[in-house]
Each structure stands twice: as structure tokens, then as C-alpha cells.
């Protein structure tokens, strides 16, 4: 009979104890040899490894690369965090402190944190993945891992997506072609089939005009990954009015291909008196902190001309943080503004709540659809 290993010859209880000890040792972060693994630049005792690079997207669509890998903590830091039964019972996820992995496409300048988590009980690495938008041609992508102990490692990759063959097209618009919306509908937006170059989306290539030909003034936002462009008019749309939107072939994707043809659509707004009242803005703005004192009035801008008789001390309410009503008076309002003037100066460093009820209506009798609440905090 041959001699077995220590595990073969040990009683079950002793074997289990040995296994637990080995797991506890592994959970402590390993020895210094671990710090020399991986393909990253080693600084201190942290390291980074890229496992795979997958390029997704067909010709003409928004492209991205999916990169996955591992990042190890400093062994000393893991020993500090992981001890006792936690090493066997803690599930490793983003709630457990560890390595932050950040990516940056050095070619486009875009960056963000990767999605990351700890592995299973037998996987004491920090696993990460990132979906990184890329442009045509070569893209230099840098991955940097750092732990709370100050250790870091980095890796730079060069990736190149396939040649982009198709021009961008319009997928969807808001409002849709032929749709009728409320005049307080501020945003006119378009979704493209792929990322477009934001520098080609401007007042001449994306315009909105009234049916009488008057071009609206406003500004345009293009949000990364540049598949959405939004026109924000300086003033609310007029009720009972038709509008036209136009996209020209000046709009191009990152490889320089323009829209295949000019794109136009139209929409209209409901007639006056057929839309609910809405709140456009408040002073102070919602959730503002460090509001300067003294504050002469608390003001609300509505989407329609108000029935001033409905703006009362029971429809425009102000409370402090102890839910004590703030005494004051409603200043003579005009048009679509309502103002509340506190009787006494507001207190510094204090949270205030404002409630606008559905008792307030416009001159057509249309109330707010829902009660509106917001808060702000005064400066100390």
C-alpha cells in the first residue's frame, strides 16, 4: 500500500481545518510574488492584467471595445481588510473596498470608471470590465488600477475598429413627426444611428422654426457617445403653433461621412387653454445649498398666465426644517410669476421647504397636474 498525502491520511476534521487555514491565508492577499504578475507597469506592489479585448458594432454603428481583466490589491491592504470568517462568508462586490479601475481613451479624451467586483471565494482578484467607445482608426486606451493604500498600476492598449462604411441616419425624433405636444415641451431631440462629430452639429445644421418661418433661438447639446442631439429653445414654445425641425448634411460621423440626405420633420403644440399648468423654474432652484442671505422673495415661474385669485397662502406654502410655517405675504404677481415675501429674514444654515398645490390655476382654469415641492438651504 502506498503512502498517501497529508490530506489522505488526516482525519476529516483536521482536513477541513487545514482547508480553512489555506483559504484564510489566500484571503490575506497572497505573498509578494503575486505583485510581480500581470502585464502592467508595476509600482509598489499593485498589478494589473488585461485578459481580453472584444470589438463590438457593425459598420455604420456606434463602436465600442469591451476590455476585461484583473487588478490586485496591495497584499498588505488586503490583509488589513480581510480577516477571520469574513474571508469565507463575505461576497465580493463593489460594496467591499478594493481596487478602482479607470479607463481613458487617449485618442478621444473620454474616460470613466470600469465596472468592477471581487471574484468568488476562490478568486481573490478584483475583476473588472469596461465598454469603451472608440473612433475610427487607432485608439490609444489607458487602464489605471489603484487601491486605497496608494498603490497603482497601468496598461496602455492600441485598438482599431473595422472601417466605418455606412453614413449616419436618423433613428428617432422627439417630438415625433406629426405629434402634438404641450407648449411647455422644451426639448427637441434627435437620435442618430451612430456617433456624430459634435462640431458638425450647430445652429446651421440643426434648426427649429415656426410655421411662419421664424427661426427659434436656443442652444444645442450633444451628449457622449454623440448619438443624441438636443435643441433647447430660449423661450417656451407658443400654444397652438406648428413647428418644423431641419437637419442638414453638414452633420457628419467621426469618419467624415455626412447624413445621406437632409432630414426634416414637423410637430405642433396644443391650443391655449387645452394644456395643464406646469412649473418652469423656481428661485431659489431646487436642492440649492448655500443660498445667500438676505433672500427678498421665493419665486415660481409657471408655463401659463396665472389666475392670481388662486395664488393664496394655502396654495403657496413655505416651511422651515422643523415644519413650522414661515410667515409672509404674497407679493402682487403678474403674468406667469408668483412671489412669496417672508415676514422675517430667513435663518442662516437652515433647510426650507416650499409646496405649490394644485389649487393654483391658469387663466383658463387649468390646474397643476401634481402638487409641486422643493427645498433649499440658506448659507451659514
Protein backbone atom coordinates (compact mmCIF):
# COMPACT_ATOMS: atom_id res chain seq x y z
CA UNK A 1 0.00 0.00 0.00
CA UNK A 2 1.38 3.38 -0.95
CA UNK A 3 1.65 6.24 1.44
CA UNK A 4 -0.99 8.94 0.90
CA UNK A 5 -0.65 12.69 1.22
CA UNK A 6 -1.25 14.54 4.45
CA UNK A 7 -4.88 15.13 3.36
CA UNK A 8 -5.35 11.39 2.58
CA UNK A 9 -4.11 10.34 6.00
CA UNK A 10 -5.60 13.12 8.15
CA UNK A 11 -8.99 12.79 9.83
CA UNK A 12 -11.85 14.66 8.12
CA UNK A 13 -11.99 17.34 10.84
CA UNK A 14 -8.27 18.03 10.55
CA UNK A 15 -8.54 18.13 6.75
CA UNK A 16 -11.34 20.69 6.97
CA UNK A 17 -9.25 22.77 9.39
CA UNK A 18 -6.28 22.69 7.01
CA UNK A 19 -8.51 23.77 4.11
CA UNK A 20 -9.89 26.67 6.18
CA UNK A 21 -6.37 27.77 7.09
CA UNK A 22 -5.31 27.72 3.45
CA UNK A 23 -8.35 29.75 2.44
CA UNK A 24 -7.69 32.26 5.19
CA UNK A 25 -4.11 32.60 4.02
CA UNK A 26 -5.25 33.14 0.44
CA UNK A 27 -7.76 35.72 1.54
CA UNK A 28 -4.98 37.70 3.15
CA UNK A 29 -3.86 38.85 -0.28
CA UNK A 30 -1.07 36.41 -1.13
CA UNK A 31 2.68 36.90 -0.88
CA UNK A 32 4.88 39.44 -2.57
CA UNK A 33 5.35 37.15 -5.57
CA UNK A 34 1.80 37.97 -6.64
CA UNK A 35 2.83 41.58 -7.07
CA UNK A 36 5.10 40.66 -9.96
CA UNK A 37 2.44 39.02 -12.10
CA UNK A 38 0.46 40.52 -14.93
CA UNK A 39 1.33 42.72 -17.87
CA UNK A 40 1.01 46.14 -16.27
CA UNK A 41 3.60 48.63 -15.12
CA UNK A 42 4.41 47.68 -11.53
CA UNK A 43 4.52 50.47 -8.99
CA UNK A 44 4.89 49.30 -5.41
CA UNK A 45 3.01 46.04 -5.03
CA UNK A 46 -0.13 46.52 -7.10
CA UNK A 47 -0.54 45.00 -10.55
CA UNK A 48 -2.98 44.99 -13.45
CA UNK A 49 -3.75 42.42 -16.13
CA UNK A 50 -5.83 42.76 -19.30
CA UNK A 51 -7.44 39.45 -20.22
CA UNK A 52 -9.32 40.18 -23.42
CA UNK A 53 -10.27 42.89 -25.89
CA UNK A 54 -13.51 42.48 -27.86
CA UNK A 55 -14.55 44.97 -30.54
CA UNK A 56 -18.33 45.25 -31.00
CA UNK A 57 -20.52 47.07 -33.51
CA UNK A 58 -21.18 46.73 -37.20
CA UNK A 59 -20.13 49.14 -39.92
CA UNK A 60 -22.03 52.39 -39.53
CA UNK A 61 -22.96 51.89 -35.86
CA UNK A 62 -21.55 53.30 -32.65
CA UNK A 63 -18.41 51.32 -31.94
CA UNK A 64 -17.00 50.27 -28.62
CA UNK A 65 -14.37 47.92 -27.30
CA UNK A 66 -15.07 45.68 -24.35
CA UNK A 67 -12.00 45.11 -22.21
CA UNK A 68 -11.85 42.70 -19.26
CA UNK A 69 -9.14 41.94 -16.77
CA UNK A 70 -7.96 41.59 -13.18
CA UNK A 71 -6.43 44.03 -10.72
CA UNK A 72 -4.84 43.00 -7.42
CA UNK A 73 -4.75 44.97 -4.21
CA UNK A 74 -1.65 45.60 -2.26
CA UNK A 75 -1.23 42.39 -0.20
CA UNK A 76 -0.78 44.50 2.94
CA UNK A 77 -4.05 46.28 2.27
CA UNK A 78 -5.94 43.03 1.71
CA UNK A 79 -4.50 41.58 4.91
CA UNK A 80 -5.78 44.64 6.75
CA UNK A 81 -9.31 44.28 5.30
CA UNK A 82 -9.83 40.55 5.17
CA UNK A 83 -9.61 38.56 8.37
CA UNK A 84 -11.44 35.79 10.21
CA UNK A 85 -14.61 34.24 8.85
CA UNK A 86 -15.28 37.27 6.63
CA UNK A 87 -12.84 35.77 4.16
CA UNK A 88 -15.21 32.81 3.78
CA UNK A 89 -18.59 34.50 4.18
CA UNK A 90 -18.20 37.91 2.51
CA UNK A 91 -19.40 38.08 -1.08
CA UNK A 92 -17.02 40.24 -3.01
CA UNK A 93 -18.70 43.05 -4.91
CA UNK A 94 -18.50 46.82 -5.32
CA UNK A 95 -19.60 47.37 -1.74
CA UNK A 96 -16.38 45.76 -0.49
CA UNK A 97 -13.50 48.29 -0.60
CA UNK A 98 -10.78 47.49 -3.10
CA UNK A 99 -9.27 48.49 -6.40
CA UNK A 100 -10.65 51.29 -8.57
CA UNK A 101 -10.05 50.77 -12.29
CA UNK A 102 -10.33 53.82 -14.55
CA UNK A 103 -10.08 53.89 -18.33
CA UNK A 104 -9.32 56.74 -20.70
CA UNK A 105 -9.41 56.76 -24.48
CA UNK A 106 -6.37 58.99 -25.02
CA UNK A 107 -7.42 59.49 -28.65
CA UNK A 108 -10.84 60.99 -27.89
CA UNK A 109 -10.27 62.20 -24.32
CA UNK A 110 -13.25 60.34 -22.88
CA UNK A 111 -12.81 58.48 -19.58
CA UNK A 112 -14.77 56.77 -16.82
CA UNK A 113 -14.58 54.12 -14.12
CA UNK A 114 -14.74 50.48 -15.18
CA UNK A 115 -17.36 48.16 -13.74
CA UNK A 116 -15.61 46.04 -11.16
CA UNK A 117 -16.22 43.43 -8.48
CA UNK A 118 -14.34 40.91 -6.39
CA UNK A 119 -14.24 37.31 -7.50
CA UNK A 120 -15.70 34.26 -5.78
CA UNK A 121 -14.29 32.59 -2.68
CA UNK A 122 -11.52 31.02 -4.74
CA UNK A 123 -10.89 34.10 -6.88
CA UNK A 124 -9.10 36.69 -4.80
CA UNK A 125 -8.62 39.08 -7.70
CA UNK A 126 -10.56 42.24 -8.40
CA UNK A 127 -12.36 41.55 -11.70
CA UNK A 128 -13.18 44.50 -13.97
CA UNK A 129 -14.66 45.23 -17.37
CA UNK A 130 -15.23 48.37 -19.42
CA UNK A 131 -17.24 49.19 -22.56
CA UNK A 132 -15.21 51.96 -24.16
CA UNK A 133 -16.48 53.96 -27.17
CA UNK A 134 -13.85 54.33 -29.88
CA UNK A 135 -13.46 56.40 -33.03
CA UNK A 136 -12.30 55.33 -36.47
CA UNK A 137 -8.60 54.49 -36.79
CA UNK A 138 -6.15 53.76 -33.99
CA UNK A 139 -7.27 54.37 -30.40
CA UNK A 140 -4.82 54.55 -27.51
CA UNK A 141 -6.58 53.32 -24.36
CA UNK A 142 -5.02 53.57 -20.92
CA UNK A 143 -6.19 51.44 -17.99
CA UNK A 144 -5.13 52.50 -14.49
CA UNK A 145 -5.80 50.48 -11.32
CA UNK A 146 -5.29 51.96 -7.86
CA UNK A 147 -6.07 50.78 -4.36
CA UNK A 148 -6.87 52.81 -1.21
CA UNK A 149 -3.32 52.23 0.07
CA UNK A 150 -1.96 54.38 -2.77
CA UNK A 151 -0.57 51.59 -4.97
CA UNK A 152 -1.28 51.76 -8.69
CA UNK A 153 -0.51 50.04 -11.99
CA UNK A 154 -1.28 50.97 -15.58
CA UNK A 155 -1.51 49.41 -19.01
CA UNK A 156 -1.87 51.12 -22.42
CA UNK A 157 -3.50 49.35 -25.36
CA UNK A 158 -3.85 50.19 -29.04
CA UNK A 159 -7.09 49.08 -30.70
CA UNK A 160 -8.52 49.73 -34.14
CA UNK A 161 -12.16 49.09 -35.08
CA UNK A 162 -13.18 47.96 -38.53
CA UNK A 163 -13.63 50.52 -41.31
CA UNK A 164 -16.87 52.51 -40.97
CA UNK A 165 -18.72 52.11 -44.27
CA UNK A 166 -22.21 53.49 -43.66
CA UNK A 167 -23.37 57.12 -43.21
CA UNK A 168 -25.27 58.18 -40.09
CA UNK A 169 -29.06 58.12 -40.26
CA UNK A 170 -31.87 59.47 -38.07
CA UNK A 171 -33.39 56.76 -35.86
CA UNK A 172 -35.91 58.73 -33.81
CA UNK A 173 -37.04 62.29 -33.01
CA UNK A 174 -38.83 63.91 -30.08
CA UNK A 175 -41.41 65.21 -30.70
CA UNK A 176 -42.15 62.68 -33.42
CA UNK A 177 -43.13 63.77 -36.91
CA UNK A 178 -46.77 64.96 -36.81
CA UNK A 179 -47.04 64.82 -32.99
CA UNK A 180 -48.92 67.48 -30.99
CA UNK A 181 -47.32 68.39 -27.66
CA UNK A 182 -47.81 70.88 -24.84
CA UNK A 183 -46.22 74.27 -25.44
CA UNK A 184 -44.14 73.78 -22.27
CA UNK A 185 -42.38 70.93 -24.12
CA UNK A 186 -38.90 72.48 -24.16
CA UNK A 187 -36.66 69.87 -25.73
CA UNK A 188 -36.47 68.95 -29.42
CA UNK A 189 -34.12 66.00 -29.83
CA UNK A 190 -32.88 63.52 -32.40
CA UNK A 191 -31.22 60.10 -32.13
CA UNK A 192 -28.69 59.05 -34.76
CA UNK A 193 -27.68 55.55 -35.83
CA UNK A 194 -24.08 56.16 -34.74
CA UNK A 195 -21.88 58.70 -33.04
CA UNK A 196 -21.71 62.02 -34.85
CA UNK A 197 -18.99 64.64 -34.62
CA UNK A 198 -20.37 67.28 -32.18
CA UNK A 199 -18.51 70.02 -34.05
CA UNK A 200 -20.76 69.40 -37.07
CA UNK A 201 -23.99 69.82 -35.06
CA UNK A 202 -24.66 73.55 -34.75
CA UNK A 203 -27.25 76.25 -35.44
CA UNK A 204 -26.83 75.92 -39.21
CA UNK A 205 -27.07 72.13 -39.31
CA UNK A 206 -29.81 71.64 -36.64
CA UNK A 207 -32.50 74.33 -36.68
CA UNK A 208 -36.11 74.70 -35.50
CA UNK A 209 -38.55 77.28 -36.89
CA UNK A 210 -42.18 78.26 -36.53
CA UNK A 211 -44.60 77.56 -39.36
CA UNK A 212 -44.36 81.24 -40.36
CA UNK A 213 -40.63 80.78 -40.98
CA UNK A 214 -39.29 82.50 -37.84
CA UNK A 215 -36.21 80.57 -36.66
CA UNK A 216 -36.09 79.83 -32.92
CA UNK A 217 -33.11 80.93 -30.88
CA UNK A 218 -31.58 78.41 -28.49
CA UNK A 219 -28.59 76.16 -27.92
CA UNK A 220 -27.70 72.59 -28.84
CA UNK A 221 -26.34 69.83 -26.61
CA UNK A 222 -24.67 66.69 -27.98
CA UNK A 223 -24.19 64.05 -25.28
CA UNK A 224 -21.47 61.39 -25.46
CA UNK A 225 -21.36 58.93 -27.15
CA UNK A 226 -22.78 61.57 -29.50
CA UNK A 227 -25.81 59.64 -30.73
CA UNK A 228 -28.27 62.20 -29.28
CA UNK A 229 -28.50 65.90 -30.16
CA UNK A 230 -30.96 68.19 -28.35
CA UNK A 231 -32.15 71.68 -29.29
CA UNK A 232 -33.18 73.74 -26.25
CA UNK A 233 -35.11 76.91 -27.17
CA UNK A 234 -34.50 80.08 -25.20
CA UNK A 235 -38.25 80.56 -24.69
CA UNK A 236 -41.22 78.25 -24.28
CA UNK A 237 -42.99 77.17 -27.44
CA UNK A 238 -46.13 79.11 -28.35
CA UNK A 239 -49.51 77.36 -27.92
CA UNK A 240 -51.48 76.37 -31.00
CA UNK A 241 -48.46 76.70 -33.28
CA UNK A 242 -46.82 74.50 -35.88
CA UNK A 243 -43.04 73.95 -35.90
CA UNK A 244 -40.52 72.48 -38.33
CA UNK A 245 -37.12 70.95 -37.50
CA UNK A 246 -34.30 70.52 -40.02
CA UNK A 247 -31.07 68.53 -40.05
CA UNK A 248 -28.65 69.21 -42.91
CA UNK A 249 -25.93 67.09 -44.48
CA UNK A 250 -23.35 69.20 -42.65
CA UNK A 251 -23.80 66.71 -39.80
CA UNK A 252 -21.10 64.02 -40.09
CA UNK A 253 -19.90 60.98 -38.19
CA UNK A 254 -16.36 60.74 -36.82
CA UNK A 255 -15.05 59.28 -40.08
CA UNK A 256 -16.36 62.29 -42.04
CA UNK A 257 -19.42 60.69 -43.66
CA UNK A 258 -22.43 63.08 -43.74
CA UNK A 259 -26.12 62.31 -43.42
CA UNK A 260 -27.10 60.72 -46.71
CA UNK A 261 -29.81 63.36 -47.18
CA UNK A 262 -31.33 66.34 -45.41
CA UNK A 263 -33.86 65.32 -42.75
CA UNK A 264 -36.99 67.33 -41.90
CA UNK A 265 -39.93 66.75 -39.59
CA UNK A 266 -42.76 68.82 -38.14
CA UNK A 267 -44.87 68.95 -34.97
CA UNK A 268 -47.35 71.30 -33.31
CA UNK A 269 -48.45 72.48 -29.87
CA UNK A 270 -51.87 72.29 -28.24
CA UNK A 271 -54.04 75.39 -28.44
CA UNK A 272 -54.10 77.71 -25.43
CA UNK A 273 -56.35 76.51 -22.65
CA UNK A 274 -56.02 72.83 -23.55
CA UNK A 275 -52.85 72.03 -21.65
CA UNK A 276 -52.21 71.65 -17.92
CA UNK A 277 -50.34 74.28 -15.95
CA UNK A 278 -46.67 73.49 -15.32
CA UNK A 279 -43.80 74.98 -13.31
CA UNK A 280 -40.86 76.19 -15.42
CA UNK A 281 -38.39 77.40 -12.78
CA UNK A 282 -38.01 78.39 -9.13
CA UNK A 283 -35.94 80.91 -7.19
CA UNK A 284 -34.01 79.56 -5.35
CA UNK A 285 -33.58 76.48 -7.50
CA UNK A 286 -34.48 73.09 -6.05
CA UNK A 287 -31.87 71.43 -3.81
CA UNK A 288 -29.65 74.53 -3.79
CA UNK A 289 -27.37 74.85 -0.77
CA UNK A 290 -25.61 77.97 0.47
CA UNK A 291 -28.40 80.28 -0.76
CA UNK A 292 -27.13 83.81 0.00
CA UNK A 293 -28.97 85.89 2.57
CA UNK A 294 -30.93 88.08 2.72
CA UNK A 295 -33.38 86.45 0.34
CA UNK A 296 -36.04 89.04 -0.55
CA UNK A 297 -38.54 86.59 -2.04
CA UNK A 298 -39.20 82.99 -3.04
CA UNK A 299 -40.46 82.93 -6.64
CA UNK A 300 -42.05 80.47 -9.05
CA UNK A 301 -42.32 80.75 -12.85
CA UNK A 302 -45.29 78.97 -14.45
CA UNK A 303 -45.89 77.91 -18.04
CA UNK A 304 -49.08 79.96 -18.41
CA UNK A 305 -50.57 83.25 -17.25
CA UNK A 306 -51.94 82.69 -13.75
CA UNK A 307 -55.36 83.25 -12.31
CA UNK A 308 -53.97 85.41 -9.49
CA UNK A 309 -57.02 84.77 -7.31
CA UNK A 310 -55.84 81.15 -6.95
CA UNK A 311 -52.40 82.16 -5.61
CA UNK A 312 -53.08 82.24 -1.87
CA UNK A 313 -51.47 81.43 1.46
CA UNK A 314 -52.97 77.94 1.20
CA UNK A 315 -51.70 77.24 -2.32
CA UNK A 316 -48.17 78.69 -1.91
CA UNK A 317 -46.68 77.30 1.33
CA UNK A 318 -43.24 77.69 2.92
CA UNK A 319 -41.95 75.74 5.96
CA UNK A 320 -38.67 75.60 7.82
CA UNK A 321 -36.82 72.36 8.66
CA UNK A 322 -38.99 71.79 11.76
CA UNK A 323 -42.08 72.03 9.52
CA UNK A 324 -43.11 75.30 11.10
CA UNK A 325 -44.93 77.59 8.63
CA UNK A 326 -42.90 80.63 7.60
CA UNK A 327 -45.00 83.79 7.95
CA UNK A 328 -45.04 86.07 4.93
CA UNK A 329 -47.13 87.61 2.19
CA UNK A 330 -47.71 87.02 -1.48
CA UNK A 331 -46.42 89.94 -3.50
CA UNK A 332 -48.63 91.16 -6.29
CA UNK A 333 -47.84 88.65 -9.01
CA UNK A 334 -48.14 89.28 -12.71
CA UNK A 335 -48.10 87.16 -15.81
CA UNK A 336 -46.77 83.70 -15.07
CA UNK A 337 -44.79 84.55 -11.89
CA UNK A 338 -45.77 84.20 -8.22
CA UNK A 339 -43.67 85.60 -5.35
CA UNK A 340 -43.64 84.90 -1.58
CA UNK A 341 -42.00 87.51 0.68
CA UNK A 342 -41.02 86.22 4.17
CA UNK A 343 -42.18 88.49 7.01
CA UNK A 344 -38.86 87.99 8.82
CA UNK A 345 -35.37 87.33 7.48
CA UNK A 346 -34.69 83.66 6.81
CA UNK A 347 -32.31 81.95 9.22
CA UNK A 348 -28.76 81.06 8.14
CA UNK A 349 -27.83 77.41 7.65
CA UNK A 350 -31.47 76.33 7.60
CA UNK A 351 -33.39 73.96 5.33
CA UNK A 352 -36.65 75.33 3.90
CA UNK A 353 -39.46 73.51 2.08
CA UNK A 354 -41.82 75.04 -0.49
CA UNK A 355 -45.09 73.49 -1.67
CA UNK A 356 -47.22 74.68 -4.61
CA UNK A 357 -50.63 72.99 -4.57
CA UNK A 358 -52.98 72.09 -7.39
CA UNK A 359 -55.31 74.91 -6.27
CA UNK A 360 -53.27 77.28 -8.47
CA UNK A 361 -54.68 77.50 -12.00
CA UNK A 362 -54.02 79.41 -15.19
CA UNK A 363 -56.49 81.91 -16.64
CA UNK A 364 -58.23 79.05 -18.46
CA UNK A 365 -58.82 77.17 -15.21
CA UNK A 366 -56.20 74.50 -15.84
CA UNK A 367 -54.50 73.47 -12.57
CA UNK A 368 -51.12 71.90 -11.95
CA UNK A 369 -51.34 68.18 -12.68
CA UNK A 370 -49.48 67.35 -9.45
CA UNK A 371 -48.54 69.19 -6.28
CA UNK A 372 -45.00 70.57 -6.64
CA UNK A 373 -42.46 70.51 -3.79
CA UNK A 374 -38.85 71.55 -3.50
CA UNK A 375 -36.33 72.60 -0.85
CA UNK A 376 -33.24 74.78 -0.44
CA UNK A 377 -30.72 75.54 2.32
CA UNK A 378 -29.54 79.02 3.29
CA UNK A 379 -25.86 79.91 3.71
CA UNK A 380 -24.36 79.99 7.19
